[in-house]
């Protein structure tokens, strides 16, 4: 199940347009985090056209949901190799990565003016960036959301080969990261910053790999042996 999550949306027209695109590409779950506009205003309803039900059923939250198995951030600001939290994949790669997965996934779309904050991006498993012109890389949030959903729609449902595998949940991923931190205490690092970099790298690797439950428990078993040494 995939949810589209809008963080502090300011323009009700954009929210309506996103709802319309969601209907175009068979997405139903809309979550609004601390919205700064009325998603049921006349402008939003008008822009949504035949997707009014998506707006009416949208869930309003005060903060980013923690119950989802995977969070995917979106940003136009790409980092370098050293800026691990902002190391992106493309929408096409995202679609290929999650195809056939049964996990609860949230696609996080940022504010119209400032996008997502670093602390919000750090909550996510990985990020997606749309390739645009270097001269003007920032897209309207409704257009960006539509492009991402289009790429997902092209891939989803075409390949059922991995659906019988149960994916690792957020609880299991958090436990792996907890055990990784415990394991790293037994390893020599020159600085605390280098140790923290390792944690960031492993978090991204675990997020992008979409571990199965079996793989997650096997990794936990391996880490347990290191911790006990």
Protein backbone atom coordinates (compact mmCIF):
# COMPACT_ATOMS: atom_id res chain seq x y z
CA UNK A 1 0.00 0.00 0.00
CA UNK A 2 1.36 3.40 -1.01
CA UNK A 3 0.33 6.67 0.64
CA UNK A 4 1.00 10.14 -0.75
CA UNK A 5 2.03 12.39 2.16
CA UNK A 6 1.96 16.17 1.75
CA UNK A 7 3.96 18.06 4.38
CA UNK A 8 2.45 21.41 5.37
CA UNK A 9 0.76 22.11 2.01
CA UNK A 10 -0.02 25.80 1.60
CA UNK A 11 -2.06 25.90 -1.61
CA UNK A 12 -5.43 24.15 -1.62
CA UNK A 13 -5.40 24.15 -5.43
CA UNK A 14 -2.25 22.07 -5.43
CA UNK A 15 -3.83 19.60 -3.02
CA UNK A 16 -6.84 19.27 -5.32
CA UNK A 17 -4.62 18.79 -8.36
CA UNK A 18 -2.65 16.08 -6.56
CA UNK A 19 -5.90 14.29 -5.65
CA UNK A 20 -6.89 14.35 -9.33
CA UNK A 21 -3.54 12.86 -10.37
CA UNK A 22 -3.86 10.22 -7.66
CA UNK A 23 -7.14 9.11 -9.23
CA UNK A 24 -5.50 9.11 -12.69
CA UNK A 25 -2.84 6.67 -11.50
CA UNK A 26 -4.88 4.51 -9.09
CA UNK A 27 -3.62 5.93 -5.79
CA UNK A 28 -6.17 6.34 -2.99
CA UNK A 29 -4.38 7.15 0.27
CA UNK A 30 -3.69 10.84 0.90
CA UNK A 31 -2.15 12.08 4.17
CA UNK A 32 -1.81 15.78 5.02
CA UNK A 33 0.76 16.68 7.68
CA UNK A 34 0.02 19.92 9.52
CA UNK A 35 -1.71 21.50 6.47
CA UNK A 36 -1.67 25.29 6.09
CA UNK A 37 -4.71 25.32 3.82
CA UNK A 38 -8.21 23.86 3.67
CA UNK A 39 -8.09 20.69 1.58
CA UNK A 40 -11.91 20.78 1.32
CA UNK A 41 -12.11 24.35 0.05
CA UNK A 42 -14.04 25.14 -3.13
CA UNK A 43 -10.75 25.58 -5.02
CA UNK A 44 -9.43 22.18 -3.92
CA UNK A 45 -12.71 20.47 -4.80
CA UNK A 46 -12.81 22.17 -8.21
CA UNK A 47 -9.21 21.22 -9.03
CA UNK A 48 -9.77 17.61 -7.97
CA UNK A 49 -12.52 17.14 -10.61
CA UNK A 50 -13.74 13.53 -10.16
CA UNK A 51 -11.37 12.78 -7.26
CA UNK A 52 -13.40 14.48 -4.52
CA UNK A 53 -13.57 11.26 -2.51
CA UNK A 54 -9.79 11.23 -2.16
CA UNK A 55 -9.93 14.69 -0.59
CA UNK A 56 -12.84 13.75 1.67
CA UNK A 57 -11.08 10.61 2.89
CA UNK A 58 -7.68 12.31 3.33
CA UNK A 59 -6.14 11.83 6.77
CA UNK A 60 -4.84 14.92 8.60
CA UNK A 61 -1.89 14.37 10.94
CA UNK A 62 0.17 16.67 13.16
CA UNK A 63 3.43 14.93 12.24
CA UNK A 64 4.87 12.46 9.74
CA UNK A 65 3.35 9.00 10.40
CA UNK A 66 5.65 6.51 12.12
CA UNK A 67 3.50 3.47 11.39
CA UNK A 68 4.65 3.04 7.77
CA UNK A 69 7.27 0.42 6.93
CA UNK A 70 9.14 2.69 4.50
CA UNK A 71 9.30 6.45 3.99
CA UNK A 72 10.54 7.90 0.70
CA UNK A 73 11.51 11.58 0.65
CA UNK A 74 11.46 13.75 -2.47
CA UNK A 75 13.77 16.69 -3.10
CA UNK A 76 15.23 18.80 -5.89
CA UNK A 77 18.36 19.46 -3.80
CA UNK A 78 20.79 16.66 -4.55
CA UNK A 79 23.72 16.12 -2.21
CA UNK A 80 27.24 14.94 -2.94
CA UNK A 81 28.61 11.48 -2.16
CA UNK A 82 29.45 12.82 1.29
CA UNK A 83 25.89 14.03 1.96
CA UNK A 84 24.44 10.57 2.53
CA UNK A 85 20.88 11.59 3.48
CA UNK A 86 20.54 13.43 0.14
CA UNK A 87 21.95 10.64 -2.05
CA UNK A 88 19.02 10.06 -4.43
CA UNK A 89 17.51 7.56 -6.83
CA UNK A 90 15.27 8.42 -9.81
CA UNK A 91 11.49 7.85 -9.94
CA UNK A 92 12.13 4.99 -12.38
CA UNK A 93 14.50 3.34 -9.91
CA UNK A 94 11.97 3.82 -7.13
CA UNK A 95 9.28 2.09 -9.20
CA UNK A 96 11.61 -0.82 -9.94
CA UNK A 97 12.64 -1.08 -6.29
CA UNK A 98 9.14 -1.29 -4.81
CA UNK A 99 7.49 -3.30 -7.59
CA UNK A 100 5.74 -6.32 -6.15
CA UNK A 101 6.39 -5.32 -2.53
CA UNK A 102 3.57 -5.59 0.03
CA UNK A 103 5.04 -3.08 2.49
CA UNK A 104 3.28 0.08 3.69
CA UNK A 105 5.13 2.87 1.85
CA UNK A 106 4.80 6.63 2.20
CA UNK A 107 5.92 9.08 -0.52
CA UNK A 108 6.79 12.33 1.25
CA UNK A 109 6.23 15.55 -0.72
CA UNK A 110 7.62 18.80 0.73
CA UNK A 111 6.33 22.32 1.13
CA UNK A 112 5.69 24.47 -1.94
CA UNK A 113 8.23 27.09 -0.82
CA UNK A 114 10.99 25.27 1.04
CA UNK A 115 10.52 21.55 0.42
CA UNK A 116 11.44 19.04 3.10
CA UNK A 117 13.73 19.92 6.01
CA UNK A 118 16.95 17.96 6.61
CA UNK A 119 15.51 16.46 9.79
CA UNK A 120 12.48 15.21 7.81
CA UNK A 121 14.67 13.71 5.11
CA UNK A 122 16.73 11.95 7.78
CA UNK A 123 13.57 10.16 8.96
CA UNK A 124 13.23 8.58 5.52
CA UNK A 125 14.77 5.40 4.16
CA UNK A 126 15.93 7.05 0.93
CA UNK A 127 15.11 9.94 -1.38
CA UNK A 128 13.91 10.43 -4.93
CA UNK A 129 14.87 13.25 -7.27
CA UNK A 130 13.36 14.07 -10.66
CA UNK A 131 15.93 14.95 -13.30
CA UNK A 132 15.24 18.53 -14.38
CA UNK A 133 17.10 21.47 -15.90
CA UNK A 134 20.08 22.70 -13.88
CA UNK A 135 18.87 26.24 -14.58
CA UNK A 136 15.50 25.66 -12.93
CA UNK A 137 15.37 22.38 -11.00
CA UNK A 138 12.45 23.10 -8.65
CA UNK A 139 9.07 21.79 -9.83
CA UNK A 140 5.57 22.61 -8.70
CA UNK A 141 4.64 20.03 -6.04
CA UNK A 142 1.57 18.78 -7.93
CA UNK A 143 3.61 18.28 -11.12
CA UNK A 144 6.38 16.47 -9.26
CA UNK A 145 3.89 14.22 -7.48
CA UNK A 146 2.21 13.39 -10.79
CA UNK A 147 5.51 12.40 -12.42
CA UNK A 148 6.44 10.11 -9.55
CA UNK A 149 3.02 8.46 -9.54
CA UNK A 150 3.18 8.02 -13.31
CA UNK A 151 6.47 6.11 -13.05
CA UNK A 152 5.07 3.97 -10.22
CA UNK A 153 1.89 3.29 -12.18
CA UNK A 154 3.88 2.06 -15.18
CA UNK A 155 5.57 -0.62 -13.07
CA UNK A 156 3.15 -1.55 -10.31
CA UNK A 157 0.97 -4.56 -10.86
CA UNK A 158 2.94 -5.83 -13.86
CA UNK A 159 5.23 -8.11 -11.91
CA UNK A 160 3.77 -10.30 -9.17
CA UNK A 161 6.89 -12.45 -8.82
CA UNK A 162 7.92 -11.09 -5.41
CA UNK A 163 4.51 -10.80 -3.76
CA UNK A 164 4.79 -14.03 -1.78
CA UNK A 165 7.77 -12.63 0.15
CA UNK A 166 6.93 -10.81 3.38
CA UNK A 167 8.91 -7.55 3.66
CA UNK A 168 10.70 -6.43 6.80
CA UNK A 169 8.60 -4.02 8.85
CA UNK A 170 9.67 -0.70 10.36
CA UNK A 171 9.98 -2.39 13.76
CA UNK A 172 12.40 -4.95 12.36
CA UNK A 173 14.42 -2.32 10.51
CA UNK A 174 14.67 -0.21 13.66
CA UNK A 175 15.88 -3.27 15.57
CA UNK A 176 18.59 -3.90 12.95
CA UNK A 177 19.79 -0.29 13.27
CA UNK A 178 19.79 -0.59 17.05
CA UNK A 179 21.91 -3.73 16.83
CA UNK A 180 24.22 -2.08 14.30
CA UNK A 181 24.87 0.77 16.74
CA UNK A 182 25.62 -1.78 19.48
CA UNK A 183 27.97 -3.67 17.14
CA UNK A 184 29.84 -0.51 16.19
CA UNK A 185 30.71 0.14 19.82
CA UNK A 186 32.96 -2.89 19.56
CA UNK A 187 34.72 -1.60 16.44
CA UNK A 188 37.53 0.98 16.32
CA UNK A 189 36.57 4.37 14.87
CA UNK A 190 38.89 7.37 14.83
CA UNK A 191 36.03 9.80 15.51
CA UNK A 192 32.40 9.68 16.59
CA UNK A 193 31.49 11.37 13.28
CA UNK A 194 32.88 8.41 11.31
CA UNK A 195 30.77 6.06 13.41
CA UNK A 196 27.66 8.17 12.75
CA UNK A 197 28.44 8.16 9.02
CA UNK A 198 28.42 4.35 9.09
CA UNK A 199 24.97 4.38 10.71
CA UNK A 200 23.66 6.73 8.00
CA UNK A 201 25.12 4.54 5.24
CA UNK A 202 23.62 1.37 6.72
CA UNK A 203 20.22 3.03 7.16
CA UNK A 204 20.18 3.96 3.46
CA UNK A 205 21.36 0.47 2.41
CA UNK A 206 18.68 -1.22 4.49
CA UNK A 207 16.01 1.13 3.15
CA UNK A 208 16.93 0.73 -0.49
CA UNK A 209 17.29 -3.06 -0.30
CA UNK A 210 13.72 -3.75 0.88
CA UNK A 211 14.77 -6.70 3.02
CA UNK A 212 12.43 -9.65 3.43
CA UNK A 213 11.56 -10.77 6.96
CA UNK A 214 13.82 -13.79 6.50
CA UNK A 215 16.74 -11.59 5.46
CA UNK A 216 16.08 -9.19 8.34
CA UNK A 217 16.14 -11.97 10.93
CA UNK A 218 19.27 -13.48 9.38
CA UNK A 219 21.02 -10.11 9.61
CA UNK A 220 19.88 -9.69 13.22
CA UNK A 221 21.28 -13.12 14.02
CA UNK A 222 24.63 -12.15 12.51
CA UNK A 223 24.75 -8.87 14.44
CA UNK A 224 23.84 -10.68 17.65
CA UNK A 225 26.99 -12.78 17.31
CA UNK A 226 29.10 -9.61 16.98
CA UNK A 227 27.42 -7.97 19.99
CA UNK A 228 28.08 -11.02 22.17
CA UNK A 229 31.82 -11.06 21.41
